[in-house]
C-alpha cells in the first residue's frame, strides 16, 4: 500500500505543481485575470501540502529528477 500511496502522491504533486505554475502564467502573461492567478496560487499551495504527506524523506529530490 505504501508504494501505491507514494505513486499517487507523486502524480497529485506533479499535477498541482505544473498546473499551478501554468495557471499563474496564464493569468499574468496571457492576461486572463486574477481568478486564474488565484487558482494557480491555490494549486501551488496544494502541492506544498501534498509534499508533506509523502512518506519518503527524499520526495523533493525524486520529483525534481
N, C-alpha and C. Protein backbone atom coordinates (compact mmCIF):
# COMPACT_ATOMS: atom_id res chain seq x y z
N UNK A 1 0.82 -1.20 0.00
CA UNK A 1 0.00 0.00 0.00
C UNK A 1 0.86 1.26 0.00
N UNK A 2 2.03 1.21 0.61
CA UNK A 2 2.90 2.37 0.69
C UNK A 2 3.38 2.79 -0.70
N UNK A 3 3.71 1.83 -1.56
CA UNK A 3 4.17 2.15 -2.91
C UNK A 3 3.05 2.81 -3.71
N UNK A 4 1.86 2.25 -3.62
CA UNK A 4 0.72 2.83 -4.33
C UNK A 4 0.42 4.25 -3.83
N UNK A 5 0.50 4.44 -2.52
CA UNK A 5 0.26 5.77 -1.95
C UNK A 5 1.32 6.75 -2.43
N UNK A 6 2.57 6.33 -2.43
CA UNK A 6 3.66 7.20 -2.88
C UNK A 6 3.48 7.58 -4.35
N UNK A 7 3.12 6.62 -5.18
CA UNK A 7 2.91 6.91 -6.59
C UNK A 7 1.76 7.88 -6.80
N UNK A 8 0.68 7.67 -6.07
CA UNK A 8 -0.47 8.58 -6.17
C UNK A 8 -0.09 9.99 -5.73
N UNK A 9 0.65 10.08 -4.64
CA UNK A 9 1.08 11.40 -4.16
C UNK A 9 2.03 12.08 -5.14
N UNK A 10 2.89 11.31 -5.81
CA UNK A 10 3.77 11.88 -6.83
C UNK A 10 2.95 12.46 -7.97
N UNK A 11 1.95 11.73 -8.42
CA UNK A 11 1.11 12.20 -9.53
C UNK A 11 0.35 13.47 -9.13
N UNK A 12 -0.26 13.45 -7.95
CA UNK A 12 -1.02 14.61 -7.49
C UNK A 12 -0.10 15.82 -7.32
N UNK A 13 1.08 15.60 -6.74
CA UNK A 13 2.02 16.70 -6.54
C UNK A 13 2.49 17.28 -7.87
N UNK A 14 2.79 16.42 -8.82
CA UNK A 14 3.25 16.89 -10.12
C UNK A 14 2.17 17.69 -10.82
N UNK A 15 0.94 17.21 -10.79
CA UNK A 15 -0.16 17.93 -11.42
C UNK A 15 -0.40 19.27 -10.75
N UNK A 16 -0.33 19.30 -9.43
CA UNK A 16 -0.54 20.56 -8.71
C UNK A 16 0.57 21.56 -9.01
N UNK A 17 1.80 21.09 -9.06
CA UNK A 17 2.93 22.00 -9.31
C UNK A 17 2.89 22.54 -10.74
N UNK A 18 2.76 21.66 -11.69
CA UNK A 18 2.75 22.08 -13.10
C UNK A 18 1.49 22.89 -13.40
N UNK A 19 0.36 22.41 -12.91
CA UNK A 19 -0.90 23.12 -13.15
C UNK A 19 -0.93 24.48 -12.49
N UNK A 20 -0.41 24.58 -11.29
CA UNK A 20 -0.36 25.86 -10.59
C UNK A 20 0.50 26.87 -11.31
N UNK A 21 1.67 26.44 -11.75
CA UNK A 21 2.56 27.34 -12.48
C UNK A 21 1.92 27.77 -13.80
N UNK A 22 1.25 26.86 -14.47
CA UNK A 22 0.59 27.17 -15.74
C UNK A 22 -0.54 28.17 -15.52
N UNK A 23 -1.32 27.98 -14.46
CA UNK A 23 -2.42 28.90 -14.19
C UNK A 23 -1.91 30.31 -13.88
N UNK A 24 -0.85 30.41 -13.10
CA UNK A 24 -0.27 31.72 -12.82
C UNK A 24 0.25 32.35 -14.11
N UNK A 25 0.93 31.56 -14.93
CA UNK A 25 1.44 32.05 -16.21
C UNK A 25 0.30 32.58 -17.07
N UNK A 26 -0.78 31.82 -17.17
CA UNK A 26 -1.92 32.25 -17.97
C UNK A 26 -2.55 33.52 -17.42
N UNK A 27 -2.66 33.60 -16.12
CA UNK A 27 -3.27 34.76 -15.50
C UNK A 27 -2.47 36.04 -15.70
N UNK A 28 -1.15 35.92 -15.62
CA UNK A 28 -0.29 37.11 -15.72
C UNK A 28 0.11 37.40 -17.16
N UNK A 29 0.72 36.43 -17.81
CA UNK A 29 1.27 36.67 -19.15
C UNK A 29 0.21 36.75 -20.24
N UNK A 30 -0.84 35.95 -20.10
CA UNK A 30 -1.90 35.94 -21.11
C UNK A 30 -3.09 36.81 -20.70
N UNK A 31 -2.94 37.51 -19.58
CA UNK A 31 -3.93 38.46 -19.07
C UNK A 31 -5.33 37.85 -18.95
N UNK A 32 -5.38 36.69 -18.32
CA UNK A 32 -6.68 36.03 -18.12
C UNK A 32 -7.35 36.45 -16.82
N UNK A 33 -6.64 37.16 -15.97
CA UNK A 33 -7.27 37.71 -14.78
C UNK A 33 -6.79 37.12 -13.47
N UNK A 34 -7.25 37.76 -12.42
CA UNK A 34 -6.84 37.36 -11.07
C UNK A 34 -7.42 36.02 -10.65
N UNK A 35 -8.53 35.62 -11.23
CA UNK A 35 -9.11 34.32 -10.90
C UNK A 35 -8.15 33.18 -11.28
N UNK A 36 -7.52 33.31 -12.43
CA UNK A 36 -6.53 32.31 -12.86
C UNK A 36 -5.31 32.31 -11.95
N UNK A 37 -4.85 33.51 -11.60
CA UNK A 37 -3.70 33.63 -10.71
C UNK A 37 -4.04 33.03 -9.34
N UNK A 38 -5.22 33.34 -8.83
CA UNK A 38 -5.65 32.80 -7.53
C UNK A 38 -5.74 31.29 -7.55
N UNK A 39 -6.28 30.74 -8.63
CA UNK A 39 -6.37 29.27 -8.76
C UNK A 39 -4.97 28.66 -8.80
N UNK A 40 -4.04 29.33 -9.46
CA UNK A 40 -2.66 28.86 -9.51
C UNK A 40 -2.00 28.87 -8.15
N UNK A 41 -2.26 29.92 -7.38
CA UNK A 41 -1.69 30.01 -6.04
C UNK A 41 -2.24 28.90 -5.15
N UNK A 42 -3.53 28.64 -5.28
CA UNK A 42 -4.14 27.54 -4.50
C UNK A 42 -3.54 26.20 -4.91
N UNK A 43 -3.35 25.98 -6.22
CA UNK A 43 -2.76 24.73 -6.68
C UNK A 43 -1.33 24.56 -6.17
N UNK A 44 -0.56 25.64 -6.17
CA UNK A 44 0.81 25.56 -5.66
C UNK A 44 0.83 25.32 -4.15
N UNK A 45 -0.14 25.89 -3.45
CA UNK A 45 -0.27 25.61 -2.02
C UNK A 45 -0.63 24.15 -1.78
N UNK A 46 -1.49 23.61 -2.64
CA UNK A 46 -1.85 22.19 -2.55
C UNK A 46 -0.63 21.31 -2.77
N UNK A 47 0.23 21.72 -3.70
CA UNK A 47 1.48 20.99 -3.92
C UNK A 47 2.30 20.93 -2.64
N UNK A 48 2.42 22.05 -1.96
CA UNK A 48 3.18 22.07 -0.70
C UNK A 48 2.57 21.16 0.35
N UNK A 49 1.25 21.12 0.40
CA UNK A 49 0.58 20.25 1.36
C UNK A 49 0.77 18.78 1.00
N UNK A 50 0.63 18.44 -0.26
CA UNK A 50 0.79 17.05 -0.70
C UNK A 50 2.21 16.56 -0.43
N UNK A 51 3.18 17.44 -0.59
CA UNK A 51 4.58 17.05 -0.33
C UNK A 51 4.77 16.63 1.12
N UNK A 52 4.03 17.21 2.04
CA UNK A 52 4.17 16.84 3.45
C UNK A 52 3.58 15.47 3.74
N UNK A 53 2.69 14.99 2.89
CA UNK A 53 2.06 13.68 3.09
C UNK A 53 2.93 12.52 2.60
N UNK A 54 3.95 12.84 1.82
CA UNK A 54 4.81 11.80 1.25
C UNK A 54 5.66 11.16 2.34
N UNK A 55 5.63 9.83 2.45
CA UNK A 55 6.41 9.16 3.49
C UNK A 55 7.92 9.15 3.22
N UNK A 56 8.34 9.32 1.98
CA UNK A 56 9.76 9.30 1.65
C UNK A 56 10.38 10.66 1.93
N UNK A 57 11.48 10.67 2.66
CA UNK A 57 12.15 11.92 3.03
C UNK A 57 12.79 12.62 1.81
N UNK A 58 13.07 11.89 0.76
CA UNK A 58 13.70 12.44 -0.44
C UNK A 58 12.69 12.79 -1.54
N UNK A 59 11.48 13.05 -1.15
CA UNK A 59 10.40 13.31 -2.13
C UNK A 59 10.76 14.43 -3.11
N UNK A 60 11.24 15.54 -2.60
CA UNK A 60 11.56 16.69 -3.46
C UNK A 60 12.63 16.36 -4.48
N UNK A 61 13.64 15.65 -4.06
CA UNK A 61 14.72 15.28 -4.98
C UNK A 61 14.23 14.31 -6.04
N UNK A 62 13.40 13.37 -5.65
CA UNK A 62 12.89 12.38 -6.61
C UNK A 62 11.96 13.05 -7.60
N UNK A 63 11.09 13.94 -7.13
CA UNK A 63 10.16 14.63 -8.02
C UNK A 63 10.92 15.52 -9.01
N UNK A 64 11.96 16.18 -8.55
CA UNK A 64 12.75 17.06 -9.41
C UNK A 64 13.47 16.27 -10.50
N UNK A 65 13.86 15.05 -10.19
CA UNK A 65 14.56 14.24 -11.19
C UNK A 65 13.60 13.76 -12.23
